[in-house]
Amino acid sequence: MSTSPDVVCLGETMALVTAADGPLVSASSATIGFGGAESNVAAGLAAAGYRAAWASRLGADPFGDRIADDLRRRGVELRVERDEQAPTGVMFKDPGAEGSRVYYYRAGSAASRMSAGEIDAASLAGVRIVHTTGITPALSVSCREMVDALFSAAREAGALISFDVNDRRPLWPADEAARTLHRLADAADITFVGRDEAERIWGTETPDAIRAHLPGAALLVVKDGEVGATAYSGDDAPVFVAAPRVDVVEPVGAGDAFAAGFLAATLDGAPMAERLARGHASAGRVLRIAADLPPLD
């Protein structure tokens, strides 16, 4: 029996403060949780019954303690270094059904200090999928170098590379983001991208245009919100599955949930249409709540 997790997800997770009784400007109460694309995916995979690990750095502070404790209770295995010199990042959210405004305080965070030596091929032995997102290389030059090293280590270890473009516009210049995200998305074994974010980054307006822009991605999944998702795999005909109707409470985190559902189905060896359908189902569960993850019992 393998002692390795099925999936390793690498990236920053921050403390999340969400206004509870109105917008941040006037709210008198708030909830404290956490938010991080990669840890969301790890938690979703753990909930689906897979061994999922999350790799990152956290500050040696109460927010870091809280994040680590919550993820452990969700069944996520931690590969985390605690940084005595830098804090856990914090973000504040104004939630809303039409979209949330999020304010980040992550400059100089512990996770932004991650570097190319964080993970090597030996530490990925037996791992089936390595997952990260376009947020991670945007955090710092050293994080960008780490993602390149992660891709190389995953290849050497025989793991599939899963990459969610997940563009965060405020984090870096648009031209630098466009170049780096294209290079990484085109090199991954499984690439997730939103149709709207691809148009914003690269000017590609349709799923077919995105595929033409990313011909190197072995499996490309283009998500188009409430319309549905299209998968392009090698020379196979594209597979489209419509998104089910959902009464949206809050949209943030749905993309991560989709990735978790899709990757779980991939680990099962499910047909492409089922992978997309399970991605939609997973996203739908998060769209119906005002949080990135369901509450712990």
Protein backbone atom coordinates (compact mmCIF):
# COMPACT_ATOMS: atom_id res chain seq x y z
CA MET A 1 0.00 0.00 0.00
CA SER A 2 1.39 3.40 -0.99
CA THR A 3 2.37 5.78 1.79
CA SER A 4 2.06 8.75 -0.58
CA PRO A 5 -1.02 10.92 -1.00
CA ASP A 6 -2.94 10.70 -4.26
CA VAL A 7 -2.64 14.43 -4.84
CA VAL A 8 -0.35 17.20 -3.61
CA CYS A 9 -1.71 20.75 -3.89
CA LEU A 10 0.72 23.63 -3.49
CA GLY A 11 -0.08 27.29 -2.92
CA GLU A 12 -0.94 30.03 -0.44
CA THR A 13 -3.86 29.95 1.97
CA MET A 14 -4.83 33.08 3.88
CA ALA A 15 -7.02 33.92 6.82
CA LEU A 16 -10.39 35.07 5.48
CA VAL A 17 -12.46 37.72 7.25
CA THR A 18 -15.96 38.00 5.77
CA ALA A 19 -18.46 40.73 6.62
CA ALA A 20 -21.47 39.08 8.25
CA ASP A 21 -24.12 41.81 8.51
CA GLY A 22 -23.58 44.12 5.57
CA PRO A 23 -20.69 45.53 3.54
CA LEU A 24 -17.27 45.87 5.14
CA VAL A 25 -17.62 49.63 5.34
CA SER A 26 -20.52 49.33 7.80
CA ALA A 27 -20.46 45.75 9.12
CA SER A 28 -20.30 45.34 12.88
CA SER A 29 -19.58 41.61 12.83
CA ALA A 30 -17.62 39.19 10.69
CA THR A 31 -16.71 35.54 10.39
CA ILE A 32 -13.16 34.22 10.35
CA GLY A 33 -12.20 31.35 8.11
CA PHE A 34 -9.57 30.75 5.49
CA GLY A 35 -9.29 30.89 1.74
CA GLY A 36 -6.83 29.38 -0.68
CA ALA A 37 -7.40 27.87 -4.10
CA GLU A 38 -5.07 24.92 -3.65
CA SER A 39 -6.15 24.07 -0.11
CA ASN A 40 -9.77 24.25 -1.29
CA VAL A 41 -8.99 21.62 -3.91
CA ALA A 42 -7.17 19.46 -1.35
CA ALA A 43 -10.13 19.69 1.04
CA GLY A 44 -12.56 18.79 -1.74
CA LEU A 45 -10.51 15.75 -2.70
CA ALA A 46 -10.20 14.64 0.93
CA ALA A 47 -13.98 14.96 1.31
CA ALA A 48 -14.35 12.73 -1.75
CA GLY A 49 -12.29 10.03 -0.07
CA TYR A 50 -8.84 10.63 -1.56
CA ARG A 51 -5.55 11.21 0.20
CA ALA A 52 -4.76 14.84 -0.46
CA ALA A 53 -1.84 16.87 0.86
CA TRP A 54 -1.44 20.63 0.94
CA ALA A 55 2.07 22.11 0.72
CA SER A 56 2.80 25.71 1.68
CA ARG A 57 4.19 28.07 4.29
CA LEU A 58 2.23 29.66 7.12
CA GLY A 59 3.22 32.28 9.63
CA ALA A 60 3.91 31.15 13.18
CA ASP A 61 0.79 32.98 14.32
CA PRO A 62 -2.82 32.25 15.36
CA PHE A 63 -4.11 32.54 11.79
CA GLY A 64 -1.60 29.90 10.69
CA ASP A 65 -2.64 27.68 13.62
CA ARG A 66 -6.28 28.06 12.65
CA ILE A 67 -5.71 27.20 9.00
CA ALA A 68 -3.58 24.15 9.81
CA ASP A 69 -6.08 22.88 12.38
CA ASP A 70 -9.08 23.29 10.06
CA LEU A 71 -7.39 21.50 7.17
CA ARG A 72 -6.28 18.62 9.40
CA ARG A 73 -9.85 18.21 10.62
CA ARG A 74 -10.96 18.08 6.99
CA GLY A 75 -8.62 15.16 6.41
CA VAL A 76 -5.96 17.07 4.49
CA GLU A 77 -2.36 16.00 5.04
CA LEU A 78 -0.07 18.96 5.67
CA ARG A 79 3.36 19.54 4.19
CA VAL A 80 3.72 22.96 5.75
CA GLU A 81 6.65 25.00 7.01
CA ARG A 82 5.95 27.58 9.73
CA ASP A 83 7.78 30.86 9.16
CA GLU A 84 8.88 32.78 12.27
CA GLN A 85 9.81 35.85 10.21
CA ALA A 86 6.74 36.43 8.05
CA PRO A 87 2.98 36.41 8.75
CA THR A 88 0.11 34.40 7.37
CA GLY A 89 -1.63 36.47 4.69
CA VAL A 90 -5.07 37.92 5.37
CA MET A 91 -7.94 38.80 3.04
CA PHE A 92 -11.24 40.58 3.65
CA LYS A 93 -14.35 39.78 1.64
CA ASP A 94 -17.56 41.62 0.79
CA PRO A 95 -19.82 38.72 -0.34
CA GLY A 96 -22.60 39.01 -2.92
CA ALA A 97 -24.46 36.83 -5.43
CA GLU A 98 -23.23 38.95 -8.34
CA GLY A 99 -19.64 38.64 -7.22
CA SER A 100 -17.54 39.41 -4.17
CA ARG A 101 -14.99 42.13 -3.70
CA VAL A 102 -11.90 40.80 -2.00
CA TYR A 103 -9.14 42.88 -0.42
CA TYR A 104 -5.78 41.16 -0.03
CA TYR A 105 -3.08 41.79 2.55
CA ARG A 106 -0.52 39.26 1.41
CA ALA A 107 2.62 41.23 0.46
CA GLY A 108 5.57 39.74 2.33
CA SER A 109 3.50 36.82 3.61
CA ALA A 110 5.08 33.54 4.66
CA ALA A 111 3.82 31.83 1.50
CA SER A 112 5.29 34.50 -0.75
CA ARG A 113 8.71 33.43 0.57
CA MET A 114 8.41 29.90 -0.85
CA SER A 115 11.22 29.02 -3.26
CA ALA A 116 12.41 26.39 -5.72
CA GLY A 117 13.73 24.11 -2.98
CA GLU A 118 10.32 23.52 -1.39
CA ILE A 119 9.55 20.26 -3.25
CA ASP A 120 11.70 17.81 -5.19
CA ALA A 121 10.97 14.67 -7.18
CA ALA A 122 11.73 12.40 -4.22
CA SER A 123 9.02 14.07 -2.13
CA LEU A 124 6.51 13.41 -4.93
CA ALA A 125 7.26 9.69 -5.30
CA GLY A 126 4.00 7.78 -5.62
CA VAL A 127 1.89 10.94 -6.00
CA ARG A 128 -0.56 10.70 -8.90
CA ILE A 129 -1.41 14.38 -9.43
CA VAL A 130 0.31 17.62 -8.46
CA HIS A 131 -1.99 20.66 -8.48
CA THR A 132 -1.27 24.37 -8.35
CA THR A 133 -2.72 27.57 -9.80
CA GLY A 134 -1.74 30.80 -11.48
CA ILE A 135 -1.98 32.58 -8.14
CA THR A 136 1.21 30.95 -6.88
CA PRO A 137 3.67 32.28 -9.50
CA ALA A 138 2.16 35.75 -9.08
CA LEU A 139 3.14 35.94 -5.40
CA SER A 140 6.87 36.58 -5.92
CA VAL A 141 9.84 35.85 -8.16
CA SER A 142 10.87 33.00 -5.85
CA CYS A 143 7.36 31.51 -6.06
CA ARG A 144 7.53 31.68 -9.86
CA GLU A 145 10.81 29.79 -9.78
CA MET A 146 9.25 27.28 -7.38
CA VAL A 147 6.36 26.55 -9.78
CA ASP A 148 8.81 25.89 -12.61
CA ALA A 149 10.74 23.54 -10.30
CA LEU A 150 7.47 21.89 -9.26
CA PHE A 151 6.59 21.12 -12.89
CA SER A 152 10.04 19.56 -13.41
CA ALA A 153 9.86 17.55 -10.18
CA ALA A 154 6.38 16.26 -10.99
CA ARG A 155 7.51 15.14 -14.45
CA GLU A 156 10.52 13.34 -12.94
CA ALA A 157 8.29 11.66 -10.34
CA GLY A 158 5.75 10.53 -12.94
CA ALA A 159 2.88 12.62 -11.54
CA LEU A 160 0.34 14.43 -13.69
CA ILE A 161 0.51 18.23 -13.48
CA SER A 162 -2.82 19.97 -12.89
CA PHE A 163 -2.84 23.75 -13.35
CA ASP A 164 -5.76 26.12 -12.84
CA VAL A 165 -5.05 29.48 -14.52
CA ASN A 166 -6.96 31.33 -11.77
CA ASP A 167 -5.75 34.80 -12.81
CA ARG A 168 -5.57 37.39 -10.03
CA ARG A 169 -5.30 40.67 -11.86
CA PRO A 170 -4.09 42.88 -8.99
CA LEU A 171 -1.10 40.67 -8.20
CA TRP A 172 1.12 41.36 -11.21
CA PRO A 173 1.37 43.29 -14.52
CA ALA A 174 -0.99 42.10 -17.26
CA ASP A 175 1.74 41.40 -19.84
CA GLU A 176 3.81 39.39 -17.36
CA ALA A 177 0.73 37.43 -16.28
CA ALA A 178 -0.24 36.70 -19.88
CA ARG A 179 3.21 35.31 -20.73
CA THR A 180 3.70 33.26 -17.58
CA LEU A 181 0.17 31.86 -17.41
CA HIS A 182 0.32 30.86 -21.08
CA ARG A 183 3.64 29.07 -20.59
CA LEU A 184 2.42 27.11 -17.55
CA ALA A 185 -1.08 26.38 -18.85
CA ASP A 186 0.33 25.09 -22.13
CA ALA A 187 2.79 22.80 -20.34
CA ALA A 188 0.36 21.13 -17.92
CA ASP A 189 -1.23 17.71 -18.26
CA ILE A 190 -4.59 19.05 -17.02
CA THR A 191 -5.36 22.75 -17.45
CA PHE A 192 -8.43 24.54 -16.10
CA VAL A 193 -9.33 28.01 -17.34
CA GLY A 194 -12.44 30.17 -17.32
CA ARG A 195 -13.61 31.37 -20.73
CA ASP A 196 -13.98 34.91 -19.40
CA GLU A 197 -10.56 35.02 -17.76
CA ALA A 198 -8.92 33.64 -20.91
CA GLU A 199 -10.54 36.44 -22.91
CA ARG A 200 -9.31 38.99 -20.37
CA ILE A 201 -5.75 37.61 -20.37
CA TRP A 202 -5.21 36.52 -23.97
CA GLY A 203 -8.13 37.96 -25.95
CA THR A 204 -9.47 34.49 -26.80
CA GLU A 205 -13.26 34.71 -27.02
CA THR A 206 -14.41 31.08 -27.45
CA PRO A 207 -13.42 27.65 -26.10
CA ASP A 208 -12.07 26.69 -29.53
CA ALA A 209 -9.95 29.85 -29.62
CA ILE A 210 -8.58 29.04 -26.17
CA ARG A 211 -7.69 25.54 -27.37
CA ALA A 212 -5.88 27.00 -30.36
CA HIS A 213 -3.95 29.27 -27.98
CA LEU A 214 -3.03 26.35 -25.68
CA PRO A 215 -2.30 23.45 -28.05
CA GLY A 216 0.27 21.91 -25.70
CA ALA A 217 -2.07 21.26 -22.78
CA ALA A 218 -2.73 17.51 -22.84
CA LEU A 219 -6.21 17.99 -21.36
CA LEU A 220 -7.76 21.45 -21.43
CA VAL A 221 -10.98 22.22 -19.52
CA VAL A 222 -12.67 25.50 -20.41
CA LYS A 223 -15.27 26.59 -17.86
CA ASP A 224 -17.98 28.99 -19.00
CA GLY A 225 -19.92 29.78 -15.84
CA GLU A 226 -23.60 28.93 -15.95
CA VAL A 227 -23.28 27.76 -19.58
CA GLY A 228 -21.14 24.68 -18.95
CA ALA A 229 -17.65 23.30 -19.50
CA THR A 230 -15.79 21.89 -22.50
CA ALA A 231 -12.91 19.41 -22.36
CA TYR A 232 -10.30 19.06 -25.10
CA SER A 233 -8.15 15.95 -24.92
CA GLY A 234 -5.56 15.25 -27.61
CA ASP A 235 -7.17 14.69 -30.98
CA ASP A 236 -10.49 13.58 -29.50
CA ALA A 237 -13.62 15.57 -30.27
CA PRO A 238 -14.38 18.19 -27.61
CA VAL A 239 -16.77 17.08 -24.86
CA PHE A 240 -19.28 19.63 -23.55
CA VAL A 241 -21.46 19.23 -20.46
CA ALA A 242 -23.96 21.93 -19.57
CA ALA A 243 -23.92 23.36 -16.06
CA PRO A 244 -27.00 22.54 -13.96
CA ARG A 245 -29.18 25.37 -12.68
CA VAL A 246 -28.08 26.59 -9.26
CA ASP A 247 -29.45 29.29 -6.97
CA VAL A 248 -26.20 31.12 -6.33
CA VAL A 249 -25.54 32.41 -2.83
CA GLU A 250 -21.87 33.28 -3.33
CA PRO A 251 -19.61 32.35 -6.28
CA VAL A 252 -16.10 32.43 -4.80
CA GLY A 253 -14.59 28.95 -4.45
CA ALA A 254 -16.76 27.30 -7.10
CA GLY A 255 -13.85 26.99 -9.54
CA ASP A 256 -11.76 25.19 -6.94
CA ALA A 257 -14.67 22.87 -6.16
CA PHE A 258 -15.06 22.14 -9.88
CA ALA A 259 -11.37 21.22 -10.10
CA ALA A 260 -11.68 18.94 -7.05
CA GLY A 261 -14.68 17.14 -8.52
CA PHE A 262 -13.04 16.77 -11.92
CA LEU A 263 -9.75 15.52 -10.44
CA ALA A 264 -11.56 13.03 -8.20
CA ALA A 265 -13.32 11.61 -11.26
CA THR A 266 -9.98 11.56 -13.10
CA LEU A 267 -8.44 9.50 -10.31
CA ASP A 268 -11.41 7.13 -10.70
CA GLY A 269 -10.67 6.77 -14.43
CA ALA A 270 -14.15 8.09 -15.27
CA PRO A 271 -15.17 9.02 -18.85
CA MET A 272 -14.72 12.69 -19.77
CA ALA A 273 -18.42 13.58 -19.63
CA GLU A 274 -18.63 12.16 -16.11
CA ARG A 275 -15.55 14.12 -15.03
CA LEU A 276 -17.19 17.34 -16.20
CA ALA A 277 -20.51 16.44 -14.59
CA ARG A 278 -18.82 15.71 -11.27
CA GLY A 279 -16.99 19.00 -11.53
CA HIS A 280 -20.30 20.81 -12.00
CA ALA A 281 -21.89 18.93 -9.09
CA SER A 282 -19.01 19.80 -6.79
CA ALA A 283 -19.11 23.46 -7.84
CA GLY A 284 -22.87 23.56 -7.32
CA ARG A 285 -22.53 22.55 -3.68
CA VAL A 286 -20.23 25.51 -3.04
CA LEU A 287 -22.31 27.98 -5.06
CA ARG A 288 -25.22 27.33 -2.68
CA ILE A 289 -23.31 28.46 0.44
CA ALA A 290 -21.61 31.70 1.52
CA ALA A 291 -18.17 30.08 1.97
CA ASP A 292 -15.41 28.44 -0.05
CA LEU A 293 -15.93 25.13 1.79
CA PRO A 294 -18.87 23.56 3.62
CA PRO A 295 -18.72 23.93 7.42
CA LEU A 296 -17.22 21.16 9.49
CA ASP A 297 -19.75 19.11 11.46
